[in-house]
Amino acid sequence: MNAVVLTAVLSAGNSGIYASTRIIFALVLENKAPKARLSNGGVPRNALYATTLVSMLCFLTSPFESQHVYLWLLNTSGMCGFIA
């Protein structure tokens, strides 16, 4: 059962990273985000790095005091929405 849950979590994470990098790259094409270059395989690296950084910040809620990290992420999200 643990293998099934692990496979589902990895699949969801993989599809989330793929979708978010493509969305960020689409914003680049519309001049709504900083320029990005594609790798030889067609991967927008800057978008991948930004997505990975945000994902790692979300996983920081586990080892640290989750309430403080969660509130920090929530406030950051709210401020981004306010600015937009």
PDB file of N, CA and C in Angstrom:
ATOM      1  N   MET A   1       0.825  -1.192   0.000  1.00  0.00           N
ATOM      2  CA  MET A   1       0.000   0.000   0.000  1.00  0.00           C
ATOM      3  C   MET A   1       0.872   1.260   0.000  1.00  0.00           C
ATOM      4  N   ASN A   2       1.995   1.205   0.725  1.00  0.00           N
ATOM      5  CA  ASN A   2       2.882   2.365   0.751  1.00  0.00           C
ATOM      6  C   ASN A   2       3.451   2.664  -0.627  1.00  0.00           C
ATOM      7  N   ALA A   3       3.726   1.632  -1.408  1.00  0.00           N
ATOM      8  CA  ALA A   3       4.245   1.840  -2.762  1.00  0.00           C
ATOM      9  C   ALA A   3       3.216   2.540  -3.640  1.00  0.00           C
ATOM     10  N   VAL A   4       1.962   2.217  -3.468  1.00  0.00           N
ATOM     11  CA  VAL A   4       0.906   2.852  -4.250  1.00  0.00           C
ATOM     12  C   VAL A   4       0.795   4.332  -3.886  1.00  0.00           C
ATOM     13  N   VAL A   5       0.835   4.624  -2.599  1.00  0.00           N
ATOM     14  CA  VAL A   5       0.751   6.022  -2.149  1.00  0.00           C
ATOM     15  C   VAL A   5       1.973   6.797  -2.632  1.00  0.00           C
ATOM     16  N   LEU A   6       3.161   6.202  -2.498  1.00  0.00           N
ATOM     17  CA  LEU A   6       4.377   6.869  -2.954  1.00  0.00           C
ATOM     18  C   LEU A   6       4.336   7.132  -4.456  1.00  0.00           C
ATOM     19  N   THR A   7       3.867   6.177  -5.232  1.00  0.00           N
ATOM     20  CA  THR A   7       3.755   6.354  -6.682  1.00  0.00           C
ATOM     21  C   THR A   7       2.766   7.470  -7.015  1.00  0.00           C
ATOM     22  N   ALA A   8       1.671   7.531  -6.310  1.00  0.00           N
ATOM     23  CA  ALA A   8       0.677   8.574  -6.551  1.00  0.00           C
ATOM     24  C   ALA A   8       1.233   9.955  -6.216  1.00  0.00           C
ATOM     25  N   VAL A   9       1.955  10.052  -5.110  1.00  0.00           N
ATOM     26  CA  VAL A   9       2.534  11.343  -4.714  1.00  0.00           C
ATOM     27  C   VAL A   9       3.591  11.788  -5.715  1.00  0.00           C
ATOM     28  N   LEU A  10       4.447  10.881  -6.135  1.00  0.00           N
ATOM     29  CA  LEU A  10       5.470  11.231  -7.117  1.00  0.00           C
ATOM     30  C   LEU A  10       4.854  11.620  -8.460  1.00  0.00           C
ATOM     31  N   SER A  11       3.802  10.937  -8.856  1.00  0.00           N
ATOM     32  CA  SER A  11       3.131  11.264 -10.105  1.00  0.00           C
ATOM     33  C   SER A  11       2.482  12.646 -10.031  1.00  0.00           C
ATOM     34  N   ALA A  12       1.844  12.952  -8.924  1.00  0.00           N
ATOM     35  CA  ALA A  12       1.224  14.272  -8.753  1.00  0.00           C
ATOM     36  C   ALA A  12       2.282  15.368  -8.745  1.00  0.00           C
ATOM     37  N   GLY A  13       3.394  15.120  -8.059  1.00  0.00           N
ATOM     38  CA  GLY A  13       4.475  16.099  -8.039  1.00  0.00           C
ATOM     39  C   GLY A  13       5.075  16.320  -9.412  1.00  0.00           C
ATOM     40  N   ASN A  14       5.257  15.250 -10.154  1.00  0.00           N
ATOM     41  CA  ASN A  14       5.822  15.349 -11.494  1.00  0.00           C
ATOM     42  C   ASN A  14       4.906  16.134 -12.423  1.00  0.00           C
ATOM     43  N   SER A  15       3.629  15.852 -12.389  1.00  0.00           N
ATOM     44  CA  SER A  15       2.705  16.577 -13.260  1.00  0.00           C
ATOM     45  C   SER A  15       2.583  18.039 -12.840  1.00  0.00           C
ATOM     46  N   GLY A  16       2.665  18.307 -11.542  1.00  0.00           N
ATOM     47  CA  GLY A  16       2.620  19.692 -11.072  1.00  0.00           C
ATOM     48  C   GLY A  16       3.826  20.491 -11.532  1.00  0.00           C
ATOM     49  N   ILE A  17       5.007  19.885 -11.448  1.00  0.00           N
ATOM     50  CA  ILE A  17       6.215  20.574 -11.902  1.00  0.00           C
ATOM     51  C   ILE A  17       6.161  20.803 -13.412  1.00  0.00           C
ATOM     52  N   TYR A  18       5.717  19.807 -14.159  1.00  0.00           N
ATOM     53  CA  TYR A  18       5.614  19.959 -15.614  1.00  0.00           C
ATOM     54  C   TYR A  18       4.650  21.093 -15.967  1.00  0.00           C
ATOM     55  N   ALA A  19       3.475  21.088 -15.367  1.00  0.00           N
ATOM     56  CA  ALA A  19       2.467  22.106 -15.692  1.00  0.00           C
ATOM     57  C   ALA A  19       2.940  23.503 -15.293  1.00  0.00           C
ATOM     58  N   SER A  20       3.540  23.631 -14.120  1.00  0.00           N
ATOM     59  CA  SER A  20       3.938  24.961 -13.675  1.00  0.00           C
ATOM     60  C   SER A  20       5.089  25.518 -14.497  1.00  0.00           C
ATOM     61  N   THR A  21       6.037  24.668 -14.914  1.00  0.00           N
ATOM     62  CA  THR A  21       7.117  25.181 -15.765  1.00  0.00           C
ATOM     63  C   THR A  21       6.582  25.626 -17.115  1.00  0.00           C
ATOM     64  N   ARG A  22       5.620  24.908 -17.656  1.00  0.00           N
ATOM     65  CA  ARG A  22       5.048  25.304 -18.952  1.00  0.00           C
ATOM     66  C   ARG A  22       4.216  26.572 -18.825  1.00  0.00           C
ATOM     67  N   ILE A  23       3.525  26.741 -17.705  1.00  0.00           N
ATOM     68  CA  ILE A  23       2.753  27.973 -17.499  1.00  0.00           C
ATOM     69  C   ILE A  23       3.688  29.165 -17.379  1.00  0.00           C
ATOM     70  N   ILE A  24       4.771  29.005 -16.614  1.00  0.00           N
ATOM     71  CA  ILE A  24       5.732  30.094 -16.481  1.00  0.00           C
ATOM     72  C   ILE A  24       6.360  30.408 -17.836  1.00  0.00           C
ATOM     73  N   PHE A  25       6.676  29.397 -18.618  1.00  0.00           N
ATOM     74  CA  PHE A  25       7.255  29.639 -19.935  1.00  0.00           C
ATOM     75  C   PHE A  25       6.256  30.330 -20.856  1.00  0.00           C
ATOM     76  N   ALA A  26       4.980  30.002 -20.745  1.00  0.00           N
ATOM     77  CA  ALA A  26       3.965  30.693 -21.537  1.00  0.00           C
ATOM     78  C   ALA A  26       3.895  32.172 -21.145  1.00  0.00           C
ATOM     79  N   LEU A  27       4.079  32.462 -19.859  1.00  0.00           N
ATOM     80  CA  LEU A  27       4.126  33.854 -19.425  1.00  0.00           C
ATOM     81  C   LEU A  27       5.340  34.571 -20.010  1.00  0.00           C
ATOM     82  N   VAL A  28       6.452  33.858 -20.138  1.00  0.00           N
ATOM     83  CA  VAL A  28       7.644  34.433 -20.755  1.00  0.00           C
ATOM     84  C   VAL A  28       7.356  34.787 -22.207  1.00  0.00           C
ATOM     85  N   LEU A  29       6.685  33.902 -22.926  1.00  0.00           N
ATOM     86  CA  LEU A  29       6.374  34.159 -24.329  1.00  0.00           C
ATOM     87  C   LEU A  29       5.446  35.351 -24.505  1.00  0.00           C
ATOM     88  N   GLU A  30       4.628  35.630 -23.495  1.00  0.00           N
ATOM     89  CA  GLU A  30       3.719  36.781 -23.546  1.00  0.00           C
ATOM     90  C   GLU A  30       4.346  38.030 -22.938  1.00  0.00           C
ATOM     91  N   ASN A  31       5.649  37.978 -22.636  1.00  0.00           N
ATOM     92  CA  ASN A  31       6.384  39.090 -22.020  1.00  0.00           C
ATOM     93  C   ASN A  31       5.800  39.515 -20.685  1.00  0.00           C
ATOM     94  N   LYS A  32       5.290  38.566 -19.919  1.00  0.00           N
ATOM     95  CA  LYS A  32       4.750  38.835 -18.588  1.00  0.00           C
ATOM     96  C   LYS A  32       5.651  38.280 -17.491  1.00  0.00           C
ATOM     97  N   ALA A  33       6.807  37.733 -17.877  1.00  0.00           N
ATOM     98  CA  ALA A  33       7.780  37.182 -16.937  1.00  0.00           C
ATOM     99  C   ALA A  33       9.164  37.418 -17.532  1.00  0.00           C
ATOM    100  N   PRO A  34      10.212  37.363 -16.678  1.00  0.00           N
ATOM    101  CA  PRO A  34      11.572  37.546 -17.201  1.00  0.00           C
ATOM    102  C   PRO A  34      11.918  36.492 -18.250  1.00  0.00           C
ATOM    103  N   LYS A  35      12.859  36.842 -19.124  1.00  0.00           N
ATOM    104  CA  LYS A  35      13.249  35.939 -20.209  1.00  0.00           C
ATOM    105  C   LYS A  35      13.765  34.613 -19.684  1.00  0.00           C
ATOM    106  N   ALA A  36      13.521  33.575 -20.447  1.00  0.00           N
ATOM    107  CA  ALA A  36      14.000  32.237 -20.100  1.00  0.00           C
ATOM    108  C   ALA A  36      14.516  31.561 -21.358  1.00  0.00           C
ATOM    109  N   ARG A  37      15.507  30.721 -21.183  1.00  0.00           N
ATOM    110  CA  ARG A  37      16.037  29.959 -22.303  1.00  0.00           C
ATOM    111  C   ARG A  37      15.669  28.497 -22.129  1.00  0.00           C
ATOM    112  N   LEU A  38      15.552  27.827 -23.244  1.00  0.00           N
ATOM    113  CA  LEU A  38      15.257  26.399 -23.222  1.00  0.00           C
ATOM    114  C   LEU A  38      16.554  25.609 -23.268  1.00  0.00           C
ATOM    115  N   SER A  39      16.562  24.474 -22.594  1.00  0.00           N
ATOM    116  CA  SER A  39      17.705  23.573 -22.697  1.00  0.00           C
ATOM    117  C   SER A  39      17.611  22.825 -24.021  1.00  0.00           C
ATOM    118  N   ASN A  40      18.598  21.993 -24.301  1.00  0.00           N
ATOM    119  CA  ASN A  40      18.572  21.221 -25.548  1.00  0.00           C
ATOM    120  C   ASN A  40      17.369  20.292 -25.619  1.00  0.00           C
ATOM    121  N   GLY A  41      16.877  19.857 -24.447  1.00  0.00           N
ATOM    122  CA  GLY A  41      15.717  18.975 -24.412  1.00  0.00           C
ATOM    123  C   GLY A  41      14.391  19.710 -24.423  1.00  0.00           C
ATOM    124  N   GLY A  42      14.420  21.052 -24.473  1.00  0.00           N
ATOM    125  CA  GLY A  42      13.192  21.842 -24.509  1.00  0.00           C
ATOM    126  C   GLY A  42      12.627  22.184 -23.141  1.00  0.00           C
ATOM    127  N   VAL A  43      13.461  22.108 -22.099  1.00  0.00           N
ATOM    128  CA  VAL A  43      13.008  22.398 -20.736  1.00  0.00           C
ATOM    129  C   VAL A  43      13.360  23.847 -20.386  1.00  0.00           C
ATOM    130  N   PRO A  44      12.370  24.652 -19.974  1.00  0.00           N
ATOM    131  CA  PRO A  44      12.686  26.018 -19.521  1.00  0.00           C
ATOM    132  C   PRO A  44      13.334  25.954 -18.132  1.00  0.00           C
ATOM    133  N   ARG A  45      14.650  26.092 -18.083  1.00  0.00           N
ATOM    134  CA  ARG A  45      15.396  25.850 -16.847  1.00  0.00           C
ATOM    135  C   ARG A  45      15.064  26.834 -15.740  1.00  0.00           C
ATOM    136  N   ASN A  46      14.972  28.124 -16.047  1.00  0.00           N
ATOM    137  CA  ASN A  46      14.679  29.099 -14.997  1.00  0.00           C
ATOM    138  C   ASN A  46      13.316  28.827 -14.359  1.00  0.00           C
ATOM    139  N   ALA A  47      12.351  28.458 -15.167  1.00  0.00           N
ATOM    140  CA  ALA A  47      11.027  28.126 -14.638  1.00  0.00           C
ATOM    141  C   ALA A  47      11.097  26.867 -13.781  1.00  0.00           C
ATOM    142  N   LEU A  48      11.904  25.905 -14.208  1.00  0.00           N
ATOM    143  CA  LEU A  48      12.075  24.680 -13.425  1.00  0.00           C
ATOM    144  C   LEU A  48      12.732  24.979 -12.079  1.00  0.00           C
ATOM    145  N   TYR A  49      13.740  25.841 -12.087  1.00  0.00           N
ATOM    146  CA  TYR A  49      14.413  26.197 -10.835  1.00  0.00           C
ATOM    147  C   TYR A  49      13.459  26.928  -9.893  1.00  0.00           C
ATOM    148  N   ALA A  50      12.663  27.848 -10.420  1.00  0.00           N
ATOM    149  CA  ALA A  50      11.718  28.588  -9.581  1.00  0.00           C
ATOM    150  C   ALA A  50      10.665  27.654  -8.995  1.00  0.00           C
ATOM    151  N   THR A  51      10.164  26.744  -9.802  1.00  0.00           N
ATOM    152  CA  THR A  51       9.166  25.785  -9.323  1.00  0.00           C
ATOM    153  C   THR A  51       9.744  24.861  -8.262  1.00  0.00           C
ATOM    154  N   THR A  52      10.974  24.405  -8.475  1.00  0.00           N
ATOM    155  CA  THR A  52      11.624  23.534  -7.503  1.00  0.00           C
ATOM    156  C   THR A  52      11.860  24.268  -6.196  1.00  0.00           C
ATOM    157  N   LEU A  53      12.235  25.539  -6.258  1.00  0.00           N
ATOM    158  CA  LEU A  53      12.457  26.326  -5.045  1.00  0.00           C
ATOM    159  C   LEU A  53      11.172  26.467  -4.238  1.00  0.00           C
ATOM    160  N   VAL A  54      10.078  26.774  -4.904  1.00  0.00           N
ATOM    161  CA  VAL A  54       8.798  26.903  -4.202  1.00  0.00           C
ATOM    162  C   VAL A  54       8.367  25.556  -3.620  1.00  0.00           C
ATOM    163  N   SER A  55       8.593  24.475  -4.355  1.00  0.00           N
ATOM    164  CA  SER A  55       8.247  23.144  -3.854  1.00  0.00           C
ATOM    165  C   SER A  55       9.055  22.805  -2.606  1.00  0.00           C
ATOM    166  N   MET A  56      10.335  23.141  -2.624  1.00  0.00           N
ATOM    167  CA  MET A  56      11.170  22.876  -1.451  1.00  0.00           C
ATOM    168  C   MET A  56      10.714  23.701  -0.244  1.00  0.00           C
ATOM    169  N   LEU A  57      10.300  24.936  -0.492  1.00  0.00           N
ATOM    170  CA  LEU A  57       9.788  25.753   0.612  1.00  0.00           C
ATOM    171  C   LEU A  57       8.527  25.130   1.212  1.00  0.00           C
ATOM    172  N   CYS A  58       7.696  24.556   0.370  1.00  0.00           N
ATOM    173  CA  CYS A  58       6.484  23.904   0.873  1.00  0.00           C
ATOM    174  C   CYS A  58       6.826  22.676   1.707  1.00  0.00           C
ATOM    175  N   PHE A  59       7.861  21.941   1.314  1.00  0.00           N
ATOM    176  CA  PHE A  59       8.257  20.771   2.083  1.00  0.00           C
ATOM    177  C   PHE A  59       8.950  21.142   3.385  1.00  0.00           C
ATOM    178  N   LEU A  60       9.337  22.403   3.564  1.00  0.00           N
ATOM    179  CA  LEU A  60       9.953  22.828   4.816  1.00  0.00           C
ATOM    180  C   LEU A  60       8.958  22.821   5.977  1.00  0.00           C
ATOM    181  N   THR A  61       7.692  22.695   5.671  1.00  0.00           N
ATOM    182  CA  THR A  61       6.708  22.668   6.744  1.00  0.00           C
ATOM    183  C   THR A  61       6.808  21.402   7.578  1.00  0.00           C
ATOM    184  N   SER A  62       7.449  20.357   7.068  1.00  0.00           N
ATOM    185  CA  SER A  62       7.561  19.103   7.814  1.00  0.00           C
ATOM    186  C   SER A  62       8.592  19.147   8.937  1.00  0.00           C
ATOM    187  N   PRO A  63       9.876  19.430   8.661  1.00  0.00           N
ATOM    188  CA  PRO A  63      10.866  19.322   9.743  1.00  0.00           C
ATOM    189  C   PRO A  63      10.857  20.506  10.710  1.00  0.00           C
ATOM    190  N   PHE A  64      10.406  21.662  10.283  1.00  0.00           N
ATOM    191  CA  PHE A  64      10.414  22.826  11.150  1.00  0.00           C
ATOM    192  C   PHE A  64       9.036  23.026  11.760  1.00  0.00           C
ATOM    193  N   GLU A  65       8.912  24.068  12.534  1.00  0.00           N
ATOM    194  CA  GLU A  65       7.603  24.369  13.112  1.00  0.00           C
ATOM    195  C   GLU A  65       6.666  24.709  11.963  1.00  0.00           C
ATOM    196  N   SER A  66       5.777  23.807  11.693  1.00  0.00           N
ATOM    197  CA  SER A  66       4.960  23.925  10.487  1.00  0.00           C
ATOM    198  C   SER A  66       4.067  25.162  10.502  1.00  0.00           C
ATOM    199  N   GLN A  67       3.657  25.616  11.668  1.00  0.00           N
ATOM    200  CA  GLN A  67       2.774  26.771  11.701  1.00  0.00           C
ATOM    201  C   GLN A  67       3.500  28.029  11.214  1.00  0.00           C
ATOM    202  N   HIS A  68       4.758  28.195  11.599  1.00  0.00           N
ATOM    203  CA  HIS A  68       5.490  29.391  11.181  1.00  0.00           C
ATOM    204  C   HIS A  68       5.766  29.377   9.683  1.00  0.00           C
ATOM    205  N   VAL A  69       6.195  28.260   9.153  1.00  0.00           N
ATOM    206  CA  VAL A  69       6.480  28.176   7.711  1.00  0.00           C
ATOM    207  C   VAL A  69       5.191  28.311   6.916  1.00  0.00           C
ATOM    208  N   TYR A  70       4.128  27.679   7.383  1.00  0.00           N
ATOM    209  CA  TYR A  70       2.842  27.775   6.692  1.00  0.00           C
ATOM    210  C   TYR A  70       2.346  29.214   6.668  1.00  0.00           C
ATOM    211  N   LEU A  71       2.438  29.907   7.786  1.00  0.00           N
ATOM    212  CA  LEU A  71       1.999  31.306   7.828  1.00  0.00           C
ATOM    213  C   LEU A  71       2.870  32.177   6.931  1.00  0.00           C
ATOM    214  N   TRP A  72       4.166  31.875   6.867  1.00  0.00           N
ATOM    215  CA  TRP A  72       5.052  32.643   5.990  1.00  0.00           C
ATOM    216  C   TRP A  72       4.648  32.436   4.530  1.00  0.00           C
ATOM    217  N   LEU A  73       4.392  31.191   4.147  1.00  0.00           N
ATOM    218  CA  LEU A  73       3.974  30.909   2.769  1.00  0.00           C
ATOM    219  C   LEU A  73       2.605  31.521   2.471  1.00  0.00           C
ATOM    220  N   LEU A  74       1.707  31.473   3.437  1.00  0.00           N
ATOM    221  CA  LEU A  74       0.383  32.056   3.250  1.00  0.00           C
ATOM    222  C   LEU A  74       0.469  33.567   3.085  1.00  0.00           C
ATOM    223  N   ASN A  75       1.284  34.213   3.904  1.00  0.00           N
ATOM    224  CA  ASN A  75       1.441  35.667   3.792  1.00  0.00           C
ATOM    225  C   ASN A  75       2.112  36.050   2.478  1.00  0.00           C
ATOM    226  N   THR A  76       3.091  35.254   2.037  1.00  0.00           N
ATOM    227  CA  THR A  76       3.745  35.528   0.762  1.00  0.00           C
ATOM    228  C   THR A  76       2.762  35.401  -0.396  1.00  0.00           C
ATOM    229  N   SER A  77       1.933  34.378  -0.347  1.00  0.00           N
ATOM    230  CA  SER A  77       0.925  34.179  -1.387  1.00  0.00           C
ATOM    231  C   SER A  77      -0.083  35.323  -1.388  1.00  0.00           C
ATOM    232  N   GLY A  78      -0.511  35.733  -0.229  1.00  0.00           N
ATOM    233  CA  GLY A  78      -1.462  36.851  -0.128  1.00  0.00           C
ATOM    234  C   GLY A  78      -0.872  38.148  -0.643  1.00  0.00           C
ATOM    235  N   MET A  79       0.407  38.388  -0.332  1.00  0.00           N
ATOM    236  CA  MET A  79       1.056  39.616  -0.801  1.00  0.00           C
ATOM    237  C   MET A  79       1.219  39.595  -2.322  1.00  0.00           C
ATOM    238  N   CYS A  80       1.540  38.443  -2.888  1.00  0.00           N
ATOM    239  CA  CYS A  80       1.645  38.346  -4.353  1.00  0.00           C
ATOM    240  C   CYS A  80       0.299  38.625  -5.005  1.00  0.00           C
ATOM    241  N   GLY A  81      -0.762  38.091  -4.415  1.00  0.00           N
ATOM    242  CA  GLY A  81      -2.104  38.369  -4.945  1.00  0.00           C
ATOM    243  C   GLY A  81      -2.473  39.837  -4.817  1.00  0.00           C
ATOM    244  N   PHE A  82      -2.063  40.461  -3.719  1.00  0.00           N
ATOM    245  CA  PHE A  82      -2.344  41.886  -3.505  1.00  0.00           C
ATOM    246  C   PHE A  82      -1.608  42.732  -4.533  1.00  0.00           C
ATOM    247  N   ILE A  83      -0.340  42.389  -4.792  1.00  0.00           N
ATOM    248  CA  ILE A  83       0.456  43.134  -5.763  1.00  0.00           C
ATOM    249  C   ILE A  83      -0.094  42.969  -7.171  1.00  0.00           C
ATOM    250  N   ALA A  84      -0.515  41.733  -7.492  1.00  0.00           N
ATOM    251  CA  ALA A  84      -1.046  41.485  -8.842  1.00  0.00           C
ATOM    252  C   ALA A  84      -2.365  42.197  -9.034  1.00  0.00           C
TER     253      ALA A  84
END
